[in-house]
Protein backbone atom coordinates (compact mmCIF):
# COMPACT_ATOMS: atom_id res chain seq x y z
CA UNK A 1 22.69 -8.37 29.05
CA UNK A 2 19.59 -6.78 29.53
CA UNK A 3 17.45 -6.12 26.12
CA UNK A 4 14.35 -4.86 24.91
CA UNK A 5 11.64 -7.37 23.31
CA UNK A 6 10.39 -5.69 20.42
CA UNK A 7 7.58 -8.19 19.56
CA UNK A 8 5.21 -5.81 21.44
CA UNK A 9 7.87 -3.18 22.24
CA UNK A 10 7.93 -4.75 25.66
CA UNK A 11 10.62 -3.72 28.00
CA UNK A 12 11.90 -6.70 29.73
CA UNK A 13 12.96 -7.24 33.20
CA UNK A 14 14.11 -10.31 35.03
CA UNK A 15 11.15 -13.22 34.19
CA UNK A 16 9.78 -15.08 31.28
CA UNK A 17 7.56 -14.18 28.39
CA UNK A 18 6.18 -16.56 25.75
CA UNK A 19 4.09 -15.85 22.27
CA UNK A 20 2.67 -18.54 20.60
CA UNK A 21 0.40 -19.49 17.81
CA UNK A 22 -2.46 -22.51 18.59
CA UNK A 23 -4.90 -21.37 15.54
CA UNK A 24 -3.23 -23.69 13.21
CA UNK A 25 -1.72 -20.93 10.96
CA UNK A 26 0.27 -17.64 11.57
CA UNK A 27 -1.45 -14.55 11.77
CA UNK A 28 -1.98 -10.96 12.64
CA UNK A 29 -2.22 -11.96 16.43
CA UNK A 30 1.33 -12.95 16.39
CA UNK A 31 4.22 -13.06 14.24
CA UNK A 32 6.97 -15.89 14.32
CA UNK A 33 9.31 -13.77 14.96
CA UNK A 34 11.11 -12.05 18.24
CA UNK A 35 14.11 -9.49 18.38
CA UNK A 36 15.90 -8.48 21.54
CA UNK A 37 17.50 -5.03 21.42
CA UNK A 38 19.64 -2.86 23.83
CA UNK A 39 17.81 -0.15 25.88
CA UNK A 40 17.08 3.12 23.78
CA UNK A 41 17.80 1.73 20.46
CA UNK A 42 16.34 3.44 17.46
CA UNK A 43 15.56 2.91 14.08
CA UNK A 44 19.18 4.74 13.55
CA UNK A 45 21.13 3.15 15.87
CA UNK A 46 21.83 0.36 18.79
CA UNK A 47 22.33 -3.60 18.88
CA UNK A 48 19.50 -5.64 18.02
CA UNK A 49 19.22 -9.64 17.51
CA UNK A 50 16.32 -10.43 15.26
CA UNK A 51 15.11 -14.24 14.85
CA UNK A 52 12.10 -15.17 12.34
CA UNK A 53 10.78 -18.86 11.69
CA UNK A 54 10.33 -19.65 8.47
CA UNK A 55 6.91 -21.55 9.03
CA UNK A 56 3.15 -20.71 8.31
CA UNK A 57 1.73 -23.20 11.46
CA UNK A 58 1.64 -23.02 14.94
CA UNK A 59 5.22 -22.06 16.61
CA UNK A 60 6.35 -21.08 20.09
CA UNK A 61 8.78 -18.34 20.97
CA UNK A 62 9.88 -17.63 24.50
CA UNK A 63 12.37 -15.11 26.09
CA UNK A 64 13.70 -15.30 29.46
CA UNK A 65 16.09 -12.88 31.29
CA UNK A 66 17.59 -15.22 34.41
CA UNK A 67 18.73 -13.59 38.03
CA UNK A 68 22.15 -13.31 36.14
CA UNK A 69 20.59 -10.80 33.45
CA UNK A 70 21.18 -13.23 30.96
CA UNK A 71 18.66 -13.36 27.91
CA UNK A 72 17.80 -16.44 26.24
CA UNK A 73 15.44 -16.64 23.42
CA UNK A 74 13.81 -19.92 21.66
CA UNK A 75 11.72 -19.92 18.50
CA UNK A 76 10.21 -23.17 17.28
CA UNK A 77 7.28 -25.65 16.69
CA UNK A 78 4.56 -25.15 19.41
CA UNK A 79 4.99 -28.19 21.51
CA UNK A 80 1.67 -28.90 22.75
CA UNK A 81 -0.12 -29.40 19.10
CA UNK A 82 2.97 -31.03 17.94
CA UNK A 83 3.55 -34.81 17.77
CA UNK A 84 5.81 -37.03 15.44
CA UNK A 85 6.34 -40.33 15.30
CA UNK A 86 10.19 -41.11 14.26
CA UNK A 87 10.41 -44.35 13.19
CA UNK A 88 13.80 -45.90 12.78
CA UNK A 89 15.88 -44.96 9.83
CA UNK A 90 13.55 -42.25 9.04
CA UNK A 91 14.08 -38.40 9.64
CA UNK A 92 11.93 -35.52 10.06
CA UNK A 93 12.45 -31.98 8.81
CA UNK A 94 12.30 -29.07 11.33
CA UNK A 95 11.11 -25.54 9.96
CA UNK A 96 14.26 -23.37 9.92
CA UNK A 97 14.89 -20.24 11.84
CA UNK A 98 16.45 -17.26 10.35
CA UNK A 99 18.95 -15.22 12.73
CA UNK A 100 20.16 -11.92 12.39
CA UNK A 101 22.81 -9.29 14.53
CA UNK A 102 23.00 -5.83 13.61
CA UNK A 103 24.40 -2.56 15.46
CA UNK A 104 22.70 0.00 13.59
CA UNK A 105 19.44 -0.19 14.70
CA UNK A 106 16.11 -1.39 13.61
CA UNK A 107 16.42 -0.19 10.44
CA UNK A 108 19.60 -2.46 10.14
CA UNK A 109 17.90 -5.39 11.20
CA UNK A 110 15.03 -4.58 8.72
CA UNK A 111 17.85 -4.47 5.99
CA UNK A 112 19.17 -8.17 6.71
CA UNK A 113 15.50 -9.48 6.40
CA UNK A 114 14.56 -7.57 3.62
CA UNK A 115 17.48 -8.95 1.52
CA UNK A 116 16.45 -12.44 2.67
CA UNK A 117 13.12 -12.03 1.37
CA UNK A 118 14.09 -10.88 -2.03
CA UNK A 119 16.11 -14.03 -2.15
CA UNK A 120 12.92 -16.18 -1.19
CA UNK A 121 10.48 -14.41 -3.40
CA UNK A 122 9.50 -16.10 -6.92
CA UNK A 123 11.70 -14.05 -9.64
CA UNK A 124 8.66 -12.36 -11.33
CA UNK A 125 8.88 -8.61 -10.34
CA UNK A 126 6.54 -7.13 -12.66
CA UNK A 127 3.10 -7.35 -10.70
CA UNK A 128 0.34 -5.46 -12.59
CA UNK A 129 -1.59 -2.70 -11.03
CA UNK A 130 -4.90 -3.99 -10.36
CA UNK A 131 -8.67 -3.10 -10.29
CA UNK A 132 -10.60 -5.45 -7.87
CA UNK A 133 -14.15 -6.12 -7.95
CA UNK A 134 -14.97 -7.06 -4.50
CA UNK A 135 -15.56 -3.36 -2.43
CA UNK A 136 -17.51 -2.34 -5.64
CA UNK A 137 -19.53 -5.59 -6.42
CA UNK A 138 -19.10 -7.71 -3.55
CA UNK A 139 -21.02 -10.98 -4.23
CA UNK A 140 -23.33 -9.30 -7.20
CA UNK A 141 -20.97 -10.15 -10.00
CA UNK A 142 -22.12 -10.50 -13.46
CA UNK A 143 -20.73 -10.79 -16.99
CA UNK A 144 -22.02 -7.36 -18.01
CA UNK A 145 -20.47 -5.30 -14.69
CA UNK A 146 -17.00 -7.18 -15.33
CA UNK A 147 -17.14 -6.18 -18.69
CA UNK A 148 -17.61 -2.44 -18.16
CA UNK A 149 -15.03 -2.54 -15.29
CA UNK A 150 -12.43 -4.02 -17.74
CA UNK A 151 -13.16 -1.09 -20.02
CA UNK A 152 -12.86 1.18 -17.16
CA UNK A 153 -9.35 -0.04 -15.73
CA UNK A 154 -8.15 -0.19 -19.27
CA UNK A 155 -9.21 3.45 -19.80
CA UNK A 156 -7.40 4.45 -16.09
CA UNK A 157 -4.01 2.92 -17.28
CA UNK A 158 -4.73 -0.23 -15.13
CA UNK A 159 -3.07 -3.59 -15.69
CA UNK A 160 -5.39 -6.29 -14.42
CA UNK A 161 -9.00 -7.16 -13.66
CA UNK A 162 -9.50 -9.10 -10.43
CA UNK A 163 -12.99 -11.23 -10.38
CA UNK A 164 -13.25 -11.52 -6.35
CA UNK A 165 -16.04 -13.63 -4.83
CA UNK A 166 -19.10 -14.82 -5.76
CA UNK A 167 -18.18 -15.93 -9.22
CA UNK A 168 -19.04 -19.64 -8.82
CA UNK A 169 -22.15 -21.87 -8.57
CA UNK A 170 -24.63 -20.61 -5.83
CA UNK A 171 -22.64 -17.70 -4.09
CA UNK A 172 -24.28 -14.97 -3.17
CA UNK A 173 -23.17 -14.56 0.25
CA UNK A 174 -20.90 -16.22 2.79
CA UNK A 175 -23.09 -19.29 3.06
CA UNK A 176 -22.91 -19.85 -0.79
CA UNK A 177 -21.26 -23.03 -2.06
CA UNK A 178 -17.50 -23.11 -1.27
CA UNK A 179 -15.50 -25.90 -2.43
CA UNK A 180 -17.49 -26.30 -5.84
CA UNK A 181 -15.09 -24.20 -8.42
CA UNK A 182 -17.66 -23.94 -11.19
CA UNK A 183 -18.49 -20.45 -13.02
CA UNK A 184 -21.96 -19.39 -12.06
CA UNK A 185 -23.88 -20.04 -15.74
CA UNK A 186 -26.48 -17.43 -14.48
CA UNK A 187 -23.80 -14.79 -13.65
CA UNK A 188 -21.50 -15.83 -16.33
CA UNK A 189 -23.52 -17.81 -19.24
CA UNK A 190 -20.41 -17.60 -21.52
CA UNK A 191 -18.37 -18.60 -18.81
CA UNK A 192 -14.80 -16.65 -17.58
CA UNK A 193 -12.50 -17.15 -20.74
CA UNK A 194 -14.05 -14.32 -22.59
CA UNK A 195 -13.49 -11.82 -19.99
CA UNK A 196 -10.14 -13.02 -19.91
CA UNK A 197 -9.88 -12.47 -23.50
CA UNK A 198 -11.31 -8.93 -23.19
CA UNK A 199 -8.65 -8.13 -20.69
CA UNK A 200 -5.82 -9.72 -22.85
CA UNK A 201 -6.94 -7.58 -25.82
CA UNK A 202 -6.50 -4.59 -23.78
CA UNK A 203 -2.74 -6.18 -22.98
CA UNK A 204 -4.28 -6.34 -19.30
CA UNK A 205 -4.40 -9.57 -17.25
CA UNK A 206 -7.32 -11.50 -15.71
CA UNK A 207 -7.47 -12.77 -12.23
CA UNK A 208 -9.77 -14.56 -9.63
CA UNK A 209 -10.52 -14.91 -6.34
CA UNK A 210 -10.37 -18.35 -4.65
CA UNK A 211 -10.13 -20.17 -1.34
CA UNK A 212 -9.01 -23.65 -1.77
CA UNK A 213 -8.69 -24.56 1.54
CA UNK A 214 -12.38 -24.23 2.95
CA UNK A 215 -15.45 -26.10 2.06
CA UNK A 216 -19.21 -25.40 3.06
CA UNK A 217 -21.35 -28.63 3.69
CA UNK A 218 -24.05 -27.60 0.98
CA UNK A 219 -21.36 -27.97 -1.51
CA UNK A 220 -21.17 -31.20 -4.00
CA UNK A 221 -17.90 -31.89 -2.62
CA UNK A 222 -18.74 -31.89 0.78
CA UNK A 223 -21.39 -34.52 0.13
CA UNK A 224 -19.25 -36.91 -2.20
CA UNK A 225 -16.31 -36.36 0.62
CA UNK A 226 -17.33 -35.76 3.90
CA UNK A 227 -14.35 -37.51 5.05
CA UNK A 228 -12.20 -34.70 3.64
CA UNK A 229 -12.54 -32.46 6.13
CA UNK A 230 -10.92 -31.78 9.29
CA UNK A 231 -12.90 -33.48 12.10
CA UNK A 232 -13.24 -35.40 15.29
CA UNK A 233 -14.84 -38.67 14.88
CA UNK A 234 -18.29 -38.81 16.17
CA UNK A 235 -18.40 -35.07 16.85
CA UNK A 236 -20.57 -32.53 15.04
CA UNK A 237 -18.73 -30.40 12.99
CA UNK A 238 -17.93 -27.11 13.99
CA UNK A 239 -18.29 -24.11 10.93
CA UNK A 240 -16.70 -20.81 11.17
CA UNK A 241 -18.35 -18.20 8.59
CA UNK A 242 -20.09 -21.45 7.52
CA UNK A 243 -16.94 -23.06 6.57
CA UNK A 244 -15.02 -26.34 7.25
CA UNK A 245 -11.33 -26.64 6.58
CA UNK A 246 -10.53 -29.34 4.24
CA UNK A 247 -7.68 -31.92 5.47
CA UNK A 248 -4.31 -30.97 3.54
CA UNK A 249 -2.57 -34.05 5.03
CA UNK A 250 -4.53 -36.36 2.95
CA UNK A 251 -2.99 -36.89 -0.77
CA UNK A 252 -6.38 -37.26 -2.44
CA UNK A 253 -7.37 -33.88 -1.17
CA UNK A 254 -4.12 -32.22 -2.54
CA UNK A 255 -4.29 -34.19 -5.42
CA UNK A 256 -7.86 -32.83 -6.26
CA UNK A 257 -7.33 -29.33 -5.30
CA UNK A 258 -4.07 -29.00 -7.76
CA UNK A 259 -6.08 -30.59 -10.51
CA UNK A 260 -8.92 -28.16 -9.88
CA UNK A 261 -7.11 -25.07 -9.95
CA UNK A 262 -4.65 -25.98 -12.74
CA UNK A 263 -7.78 -26.65 -14.90
CA UNK A 264 -9.45 -23.21 -13.51
CA UNK A 265 -6.40 -21.61 -14.79
CA UNK A 266 -5.62 -23.10 -18.19
CA UNK A 267 -9.52 -23.34 -19.31
CA UNK A 268 -9.88 -19.76 -18.53
CA UNK A 269 -6.48 -18.15 -19.44
CA UNK A 270 -6.03 -16.97 -15.76
CA UNK A 271 -3.08 -14.93 -14.92
CA UNK A 272 -3.64 -14.33 -11.20
CA UNK A 273 -5.17 -16.04 -8.01
CA UNK A 274 -6.02 -14.23 -4.79
CA UNK A 275 -5.64 -17.25 -2.69
CA UNK A 276 -8.05 -16.49 0.41
CA UNK A 277 -7.99 -18.15 4.20
CA UNK A 278 -10.62 -17.00 6.21
CA UNK A 279 -10.94 -19.20 9.42
CA UNK A 280 -8.51 -21.12 11.58
CA UNK A 281 -8.23 -24.46 12.48
CA UNK A 282 -10.75 -26.30 14.50
CA UNK A 283 -11.31 -29.85 15.42
CA UNK A 284 -7.94 -30.93 13.92
CA UNK A 285 -8.63 -34.67 13.42
CA UNK A 286 -7.95 -36.51 10.44
CA UNK A 287 -10.35 -39.69 9.18
CA UNK A 288 -7.14 -41.00 7.40
CA UNK A 289 -4.28 -40.77 10.11
CA UNK A 290 -4.18 -43.57 12.89
CA UNK A 291 -5.02 -42.52 16.30
CA UNK A 292 -1.18 -42.39 17.27
CA UNK A 293 -0.72 -39.78 14.50
CA UNK A 294 -3.51 -37.56 15.13
CA UNK A 295 -0.88 -35.31 16.61
CA UNK A 296 1.00 -34.74 13.48
CA UNK A 297 -1.46 -33.01 11.56
CA UNK A 298 -1.01 -29.37 12.49
CA UNK A 299 2.43 -29.74 11.01
CA UNK A 300 1.02 -31.84 8.17
CA UNK A 301 -1.15 -29.37 7.48
CA UNK A 302 1.00 -26.65 6.59
CA UNK A 303 3.54 -29.34 4.70
CA UNK A 304 0.34 -30.12 2.73
CA UNK A 305 -0.16 -26.06 1.74
CA UNK A 306 3.38 -26.06 0.67
CA UNK A 307 2.89 -29.29 -1.44
CA UNK A 308 -0.46 -27.84 -3.21
CA UNK A 309 1.59 -24.42 -4.17
CA UNK A 310 4.68 -25.95 -5.22
CA UNK A 311 2.85 -28.17 -7.98
CA UNK A 312 0.30 -25.70 -8.96
CA UNK A 313 3.42 -22.84 -9.59
CA UNK A 314 4.91 -26.02 -11.66
CA UNK A 315 1.94 -26.49 -13.42
CA UNK A 316 1.42 -22.50 -13.93
CA UNK A 317 4.56 -21.08 -13.84
CA UNK A 318 3.52 -17.66 -15.04
CA UNK A 319 0.67 -17.54 -12.48
CA UNK A 320 0.70 -14.73 -10.09
CA UNK A 321 -0.36 -16.06 -6.43
CA UNK A 322 -1.55 -13.32 -3.70
CA UNK A 323 -1.49 -14.60 -0.23
CA UNK A 324 -4.50 -13.37 1.13
CA UNK A 325 -5.35 -14.65 4.49
CA UNK A 326 -7.99 -12.82 5.75
CA UNK A 327 -5.72 -9.53 5.23
CA UNK A 328 -2.19 -10.15 7.30
CA UNK A 329 -2.61 -13.49 8.24
CA UNK A 330 -0.27 -16.14 7.85
CA UNK A 331 2.09 -13.95 6.11
CA UNK A 332 5.61 -15.03 7.13
CA UNK A 333 8.67 -16.53 5.55
CA UNK A 334 7.53 -19.59 4.99
CA UNK A 335 4.91 -18.45 2.51
CA UNK A 336 7.04 -16.14 0.61
CA UNK A 337 8.53 -18.55 -1.71
CA UNK A 338 5.24 -19.56 -3.08
CA UNK A 339 3.47 -16.24 -3.29
CA UNK A 340 4.06 -12.83 -5.11
CA UNK A 341 2.65 -10.77 -2.88
CA UNK A 342 0.47 -10.63 0.42
CA UNK A 343 -2.83 -8.56 0.99
CA UNK A 344 -1.76 -7.16 4.62
CA UNK A 345 -5.09 -6.05 6.03
CA UNK A 346 -8.83 -5.70 5.54
CA UNK A 347 -8.47 -2.43 7.05
CA UNK A 348 -8.04 0.04 3.78
CA UNK A 349 -8.21 3.39 5.53
CA UNK A 350 -4.70 4.75 4.60
CA UNK A 351 -3.73 6.25 7.78
CA UNK A 352 -4.46 2.56 9.37
CA UNK A 353 -2.86 1.19 6.37
CA UNK A 354 0.43 2.59 6.64
CA UNK A 355 0.86 1.98 10.52
CA UNK A 356 0.14 -1.69 9.62
CA UNK A 357 2.79 -1.36 6.41
CA UNK A 358 5.20 0.42 9.10
CA UNK A 359 5.03 -2.41 11.43
CA UNK A 360 5.33 -5.20 8.55
CA UNK A 361 8.32 -3.48 7.44
CA UNK A 362 10.08 -4.56 10.28
CA UNK A 363 10.71 -8.26 8.42
CA UNK A 364 9.23 -7.49 4.94
CA UNK A 365 10.27 -4.97 2.02
CA UNK A 366 7.22 -2.63 0.72
CA UNK A 367 7.39 -4.78 -2.98
CA UNK A 368 5.76 -7.66 -1.19
CA UNK A 369 2.40 -5.53 0.00
CA UNK A 370 -0.85 -5.10 -1.82
CA UNK A 371 -1.78 -1.57 -1.14
CA UNK A 372 -5.42 -0.68 -3.08
CA UNK A 373 -7.22 2.90 -3.11
CA UNK A 374 -10.65 2.68 -1.60
CA UNK A 375 -13.41 4.90 -1.30
CA UNK A 376 -13.70 7.89 1.49
CA UNK A 377 -15.28 8.11 3.80
CA UNK A 378 -13.43 4.36 4.66
CA UNK A 379 -15.84 1.48 4.86
CA UNK A 380 -14.47 0.23 8.05
CA UNK A 381 -13.62 3.12 10.07
CA UNK A 382 -15.81 6.02 8.33
CA UNK A 383 -12.36 8.44 8.12
CA UNK A 384 -12.51 10.90 5.53
CA UNK A 385 -8.82 11.06 3.62
CA UNK A 386 -7.93 13.10 0.28
CA UNK A 387 -7.67 11.16 -2.73
CA UNK A 388 -4.25 12.23 -3.15
CA UNK A 389 -3.36 10.74 0.02
CA UNK A 390 -4.73 7.17 -0.75
CA UNK A 391 -3.05 7.22 -4.13
CA UNK A 392 0.40 8.31 -2.88
CA UNK A 393 0.68 5.93 0.01
CA UNK A 394 -0.90 2.94 -2.44
CA UNK A 395 2.37 3.70 -4.60
CA UNK A 396 4.63 2.26 -1.79
CA UNK A 397 4.07 -1.33 -2.61
CA UNK A 398 1.85 -3.16 -5.46
CA UNK A 399 -0.77 -0.53 -6.11
CA UNK A 400 -4.33 -1.30 -6.90
CA UNK A 401 -8.08 0.17 -7.01
CA UNK A 402 -10.85 -1.49 -4.92
CA UNK A 403 -13.38 1.03 -5.86
CA UNK A 404 -16.05 1.81 -8.25
CA UNK A 405 -13.93 4.04 -11.16
CA UNK A 406 -17.36 5.93 -11.79
CA UNK A 407 -17.16 7.42 -8.46
CA UNK A 408 -14.07 9.06 -9.40
CA UNK A 409 -14.26 12.77 -10.37
CA UNK A 410 -12.51 13.87 -13.39
CA UNK A 411 -9.81 15.12 -11.66
CA UNK A 412 -9.12 12.16 -9.44
CA UNK A 413 -9.17 9.72 -12.76
CA UNK A 414 -6.44 12.36 -14.18
CA UNK A 415 -4.33 12.40 -11.02
CA UNK A 416 -4.69 8.30 -10.92
CA UNK A 417 -3.45 8.34 -14.70
CA UNK A 418 -0.19 10.57 -14.38
CA UNK A 419 0.54 8.86 -11.52
CA UNK A 420 0.18 5.24 -12.76
CA UNK A 421 2.39 5.96 -15.82
CA UNK A 422 4.90 7.43 -13.35
CA UNK A 423 4.63 4.28 -10.81
CA UNK A 424 5.24 2.15 -13.85
CA UNK A 425 8.52 3.94 -14.93
CA UNK A 426 10.09 4.14 -11.22
CA UNK A 427 8.62 0.51 -10.16
CA UNK A 428 11.57 -1.51 -11.76
CA UNK A 429 14.05 1.15 -10.42
CA UNK A 430 12.84 0.87 -6.81
CA UNK A 431 11.49 -3.06 -6.36
CA UNK A 432 14.39 -3.47 -4.48
CA UNK A 433 15.37 -0.54 -3.09
CA UNK A 434 16.59 -0.14 0.63
CA UNK A 435 13.57 0.81 2.71
CA UNK A 436 13.86 2.78 5.83
CA UNK A 437 11.40 4.05 8.45
CA UNK A 438 12.57 7.50 9.47
CA UNK A 439 12.07 8.96 13.14
CA UNK A 440 9.36 11.28 13.12
CA UNK A 441 6.82 12.58 15.80
CA UNK A 442 4.70 15.09 13.62
CA UNK A 443 3.71 12.29 11.16
CA UNK A 444 2.07 9.18 10.84
CA UNK A 445 4.63 7.41 8.97
CA UNK A 446 7.57 8.45 7.10
CA UNK A 447 9.71 6.54 4.69
CA UNK A 448 12.60 6.57 2.59
CA UNK A 449 13.70 4.36 -0.56
CA UNK A 450 16.92 4.76 -1.98
CA UNK A 451 18.29 2.55 -4.93
CA UNK A 452 21.51 0.44 -4.36
CA UNK A 453 23.72 3.46 -5.66
CA UNK A 454 22.01 5.89 -3.90
CA UNK A 455 21.76 7.86 -6.92
CA UNK A 456 17.58 7.97 -6.61
CA UNK A 457 15.35 8.11 -3.46
CA UNK A 458 11.41 8.45 -2.93
CA UNK A 459 10.83 9.98 0.44
CA UNK A 460 6.69 9.40 1.78
CA UNK A 461 5.60 10.90 4.65
CA UNK A 462 1.80 11.15 5.93
CA UNK A 463 0.69 14.00 8.18
CA UNK A 464 -1.93 13.57 11.06
CA UNK A 465 -4.10 16.14 12.12
CA UNK A 466 -4.00 19.82 10.83
CA UNK A 467 -2.39 22.22 12.81
CA UNK A 468 -3.61 25.95 12.91
CA UNK A 469 0.25 26.86 13.14
CA UNK A 470 1.76 26.65 9.48
CA UNK A 471 5.54 26.08 9.81
CA UNK A 472 7.95 24.02 8.00
CA UNK A 473 9.71 20.91 9.65
CA UNK A 474 12.57 19.48 7.60
CA UNK A 475 12.56 15.95 7.79
CA UNK A 476 16.08 14.31 8.10
CA UNK A 477 16.70 11.48 5.58
CA UNK A 478 19.95 10.08 7.15
CA UNK A 479 20.84 7.22 4.42
CA UNK A 480 21.50 9.59 1.44
CA UNK A 481 25.29 9.91 -0.32
CA UNK A 482 26.39 12.58 2.00
CA UNK A 483 28.74 13.36 -1.34
CA UNK A 484 26.12 13.73 -4.21
CA UNK A 485 23.79 16.58 -5.13
CA UNK A 486 20.27 15.70 -5.40
CA UNK A 487 17.45 17.35 -6.96
CA UNK A 488 13.40 17.16 -6.70
CA UNK A 489 10.63 17.25 -9.47
CA UNK A 490 10.35 21.19 -8.72
CA UNK A 491 14.12 21.45 -9.47
CA UNK A 492 14.99 22.36 -5.84
CA UNK A 493 18.73 20.88 -5.18
CA UNK A 494 20.14 20.12 -1.91
CA UNK A 495 23.64 18.28 -1.09
CA UNK A 496 22.94 14.43 0.77
CA UNK A 497 24.55 15.80 3.72
CA UNK A 498 22.10 18.73 3.51
CA UNK A 499 19.03 16.03 3.15
CA UNK A 500 20.86 13.51 5.67
CA UNK A 501 21.02 16.01 8.51
CA UNK A 502 19.08 19.29 8.09
CA UNK A 503 16.40 17.60 6.13
CA UNK A 504 13.89 18.10 3.44
CA UNK A 505 11.26 20.89 3.97
CA UNK A 506 8.16 19.75 4.32
CA UNK A 507 4.91 21.88 2.84
CA UNK A 508 2.69 23.14 5.59
CA UNK A 509 -0.85 21.68 5.29
CA UNK A 510 -4.07 23.04 5.30
CA UNK A 511 -6.07 19.50 6.03
CA UNK A 512 -5.84 16.32 8.02
CA UNK A 513 -4.12 13.51 6.67
CA UNK A 514 -2.70 14.65 3.76
CA UNK A 515 0.28 13.36 2.42
CA UNK A 516 3.68 14.35 0.04
CA UNK A 517 5.70 11.55 -2.22
CA UNK A 518 8.89 13.21 -2.98
CA UNK A 519 11.16 11.66 -5.85
CA UNK A 520 15.03 12.82 -5.58
CA UNK A 521 17.63 11.93 -7.79
CA UNK A 522 21.46 13.11 -8.57
CA UNK A 523 21.57 16.15 -10.35
């Protein structure tokens, strides 16, 4: 059967196509995922075969259409960077692949993968709304600045303060002392524990940014253990962002990281880690493995990160971990059992971010996505967007704030407070709601979240550029119960059949990049 490959939405003809990663980790370049779809398959209808690898390292995926129009899909470990000595009476565990089939289009495929994600993820679902310090303070953090941000976050109704990069010794830029996870006594003369206690006094949580897998050559750890990094013998180490990568195949390295991170959590009463990983693997050699086993290192590295996270969660069972691999990296089914949420991109412009979320939603439900409101104009692309748009889109996922709250106008602060109250009221209801991408040509994205009993729903859509022609364009919702009657927050009533077929009316807009968040419930 001739089918379409949606890994990059490439229409397939006879031939062979390969997607692979040789960087050491899965990433935004290529997902360990492929799907085959019949021609003309849509979000709503059509046959799709989806396949994903539950693995966070190098992988290889291929699809071939032969001369008889037979399609063959394979996915597994990348063979050029993988070797393993399988000795007598021993065994080897391959990564597992997840396969699904549906005849209800891409949304049908996504529903299966979303259900699988819910099964894999940690049981903790009450992820707090957060104020992160990065885009406000960058490396220039201090005790007094963080104290003030905790108070502002509390006044706004946020539930956690996360102290990002710059908190540890000699860390005033990217060339700072990565690997020595000791609190900077100049910036924080009383340590971090009083800040955590301040947050806890307000019934807030307190979190910290870490990048445990990386190390700089000016760190004490590197001076003491230069043999702990990935390296080739008698070669000058190659740094990226001034960093080298620790060799997680070594038990001593893993033990050190588990002990260091556990002590950091327990001694400072931490509730959360933002776990970053900002470079790929190079010079993948180990000082501990014999020459005949150097080809095992890529595989052993991934097993090493799984081992560290397993032991850390065991020692600190209430710890919330955000997967943040430079934004969108290492976001795969292999990491889901160990992390509560994922930072999907460093591009925080809401329009681009919505497009990124839309793509990730083919595999993952929005409860995983960390969505933060940032300043406008956006720092990455300069786009100007309404505060309400940034706020409403951030509510689809794990809501956070990544700007100086002092810069918010009084009207914006009031809007945020009200939205946070509503967000917390609805969060438990919609945490496992069915998520659908709605077909539309007029908007950048259109999404629908529906509870399992179909008695409540949220429709979110984002306009693109404003038009001078002010007409209403109803948006068909497709997935509501046709027999029920629904009401919106303005008191308007619709039948489910009406909303599914004729659609919900969208208000005309007078500005670019406006959004609407419509809550529907059974009348």
